[in-house]
Protein backbone atom coordinates (compact mmCIF):
# COMPACT_ATOMS: atom_id res chain seq x y z
CA UNK A 1 20.99 -2.46 5.61
CA UNK A 2 18.62 -4.97 6.97
CA UNK A 3 19.94 -4.58 10.41
CA UNK A 4 18.64 -0.99 10.27
CA UNK A 5 15.26 -2.17 9.41
CA UNK A 6 14.95 -4.85 12.04
CA UNK A 7 14.76 -8.66 11.72
CA UNK A 8 11.68 -8.67 9.53
CA UNK A 9 11.36 -5.79 6.93
CA UNK A 10 7.71 -4.67 6.37
CA UNK A 11 6.21 -5.47 2.90
CA UNK A 12 6.68 -1.75 1.74
CA UNK A 13 10.40 -2.00 2.76
CA UNK A 14 10.88 -4.97 0.73
CA UNK A 15 9.27 -3.35 -2.26
CA UNK A 16 11.38 -0.33 -1.85
CA UNK A 17 14.64 -2.23 -1.52
CA UNK A 18 13.90 -4.57 -4.43
CA UNK A 19 11.89 -2.09 -6.58
CA UNK A 20 13.35 -3.29 -9.70
CA UNK A 21 11.52 -6.61 -9.40
CA UNK A 22 8.15 -4.86 -8.68
CA UNK A 23 8.08 -2.39 -11.54
CA UNK A 24 8.27 -2.78 -15.36
CA UNK A 25 9.32 0.75 -16.49
CA UNK A 26 12.73 2.20 -16.08
CA UNK A 27 12.79 5.76 -14.87
CA UNK A 28 14.74 8.50 -13.03
CA UNK A 29 14.47 7.15 -9.41
CA UNK A 30 17.63 5.25 -8.38
CA UNK A 31 17.02 2.65 -5.61
CA UNK A 32 19.66 1.68 -2.98
CA UNK A 33 20.33 -1.50 -5.21
CA UNK A 34 21.36 0.86 -8.04
CA UNK A 35 18.24 0.01 -10.24
CA UNK A 36 16.62 2.91 -11.94
CA UNK A 37 12.65 2.73 -11.79
CA UNK A 38 9.74 4.79 -12.49
CA UNK A 39 8.89 6.71 -9.46
CA UNK A 40 5.21 6.89 -10.30
CA UNK A 41 4.95 3.05 -10.81
CA UNK A 42 6.91 2.34 -7.63
CA UNK A 43 4.76 4.77 -5.61
CA UNK A 44 1.60 3.03 -6.81
CA UNK A 45 3.03 -0.37 -5.97
CA UNK A 46 3.95 0.82 -2.39
CA UNK A 47 0.54 2.17 -2.03
CA UNK A 48 -0.97 -1.20 -3.08
CA UNK A 49 1.24 -3.09 -0.76
CA UNK A 50 0.56 -0.72 2.17
CA UNK A 51 -3.20 -1.32 1.77
CA UNK A 52 -2.94 -5.08 1.51
CA UNK A 53 -0.60 -5.09 4.57
CA UNK A 54 -3.11 -3.03 6.52
CA UNK A 55 -5.87 -5.50 5.59
CA UNK A 56 -3.88 -8.56 6.46
CA UNK A 57 -3.19 -7.03 9.99
CA UNK A 58 -6.89 -6.42 10.42
CA UNK A 59 -6.50 -2.55 10.49
CA UNK A 60 -8.58 -2.04 7.41
CA UNK A 61 -11.20 -3.92 5.44
CA UNK A 62 -11.02 -3.53 1.72
CA UNK A 63 -14.29 -3.76 -0.30
CA UNK A 64 -15.35 -3.56 -3.80
CA UNK A 65 -18.61 -1.79 -4.07
CA UNK A 66 -20.70 -0.10 -6.85
CA UNK A 67 -20.48 3.78 -6.94
CA UNK A 68 -22.25 6.00 -9.35
CA UNK A 69 -20.14 7.94 -11.69
CA UNK A 70 -20.64 10.35 -14.68
CA UNK A 71 -23.21 12.51 -12.84
CA UNK A 72 -24.91 9.46 -11.44
CA UNK A 73 -25.83 8.07 -14.79
CA UNK A 74 -23.63 4.97 -14.75
CA UNK A 75 -22.44 2.74 -11.98
CA UNK A 76 -18.80 1.72 -11.53
CA UNK A 77 -16.96 -0.62 -9.23
CA UNK A 78 -14.81 1.32 -6.72
CA UNK A 79 -12.35 0.12 -3.89
CA UNK A 80 -13.31 1.27 -0.38
CA UNK A 81 -11.04 1.14 2.68
CA UNK A 82 -13.14 0.88 5.93
CA UNK A 83 -11.07 1.26 9.15
CA UNK A 84 -11.60 -1.54 11.76
CA UNK A 85 -12.16 -0.90 15.42
CA UNK A 86 -9.60 -3.47 16.50
CA UNK A 87 -6.18 -2.22 17.71
CA UNK A 88 -3.47 -2.37 15.00
CA UNK A 89 -0.01 -3.58 15.72
CA UNK A 90 1.81 -1.42 18.37
CA UNK A 91 -1.53 0.56 19.16
CA UNK A 92 -2.98 0.33 22.74
CA UNK A 93 -6.33 1.63 21.68
CA UNK A 94 -8.56 1.09 18.58
CA UNK A 95 -8.30 3.69 15.90
CA UNK A 96 -11.40 5.84 15.65
CA UNK A 97 -12.27 7.74 12.32
CA UNK A 98 -13.01 11.35 12.24
């Protein structure tokens, strides 16, 4: 199967192939390895890995900033993903939001 993925699988491909290691709960999703995992927990893990991989490639900058919550009465900390103007891997031009 790794031949199909190329020489170096992406971080999210590794998580998908070895999902039993990255999840705690069992569920109804069966992975190629035969392990049964929680689809929700695996999905959340895949999103985290994708964001971190994009940050390591310089495509996104992740920032924790205060944000108002509960009708602006209470500040909370929130994660913001800011796109960077540098080209990502395989892109010839910088990505421009909007």
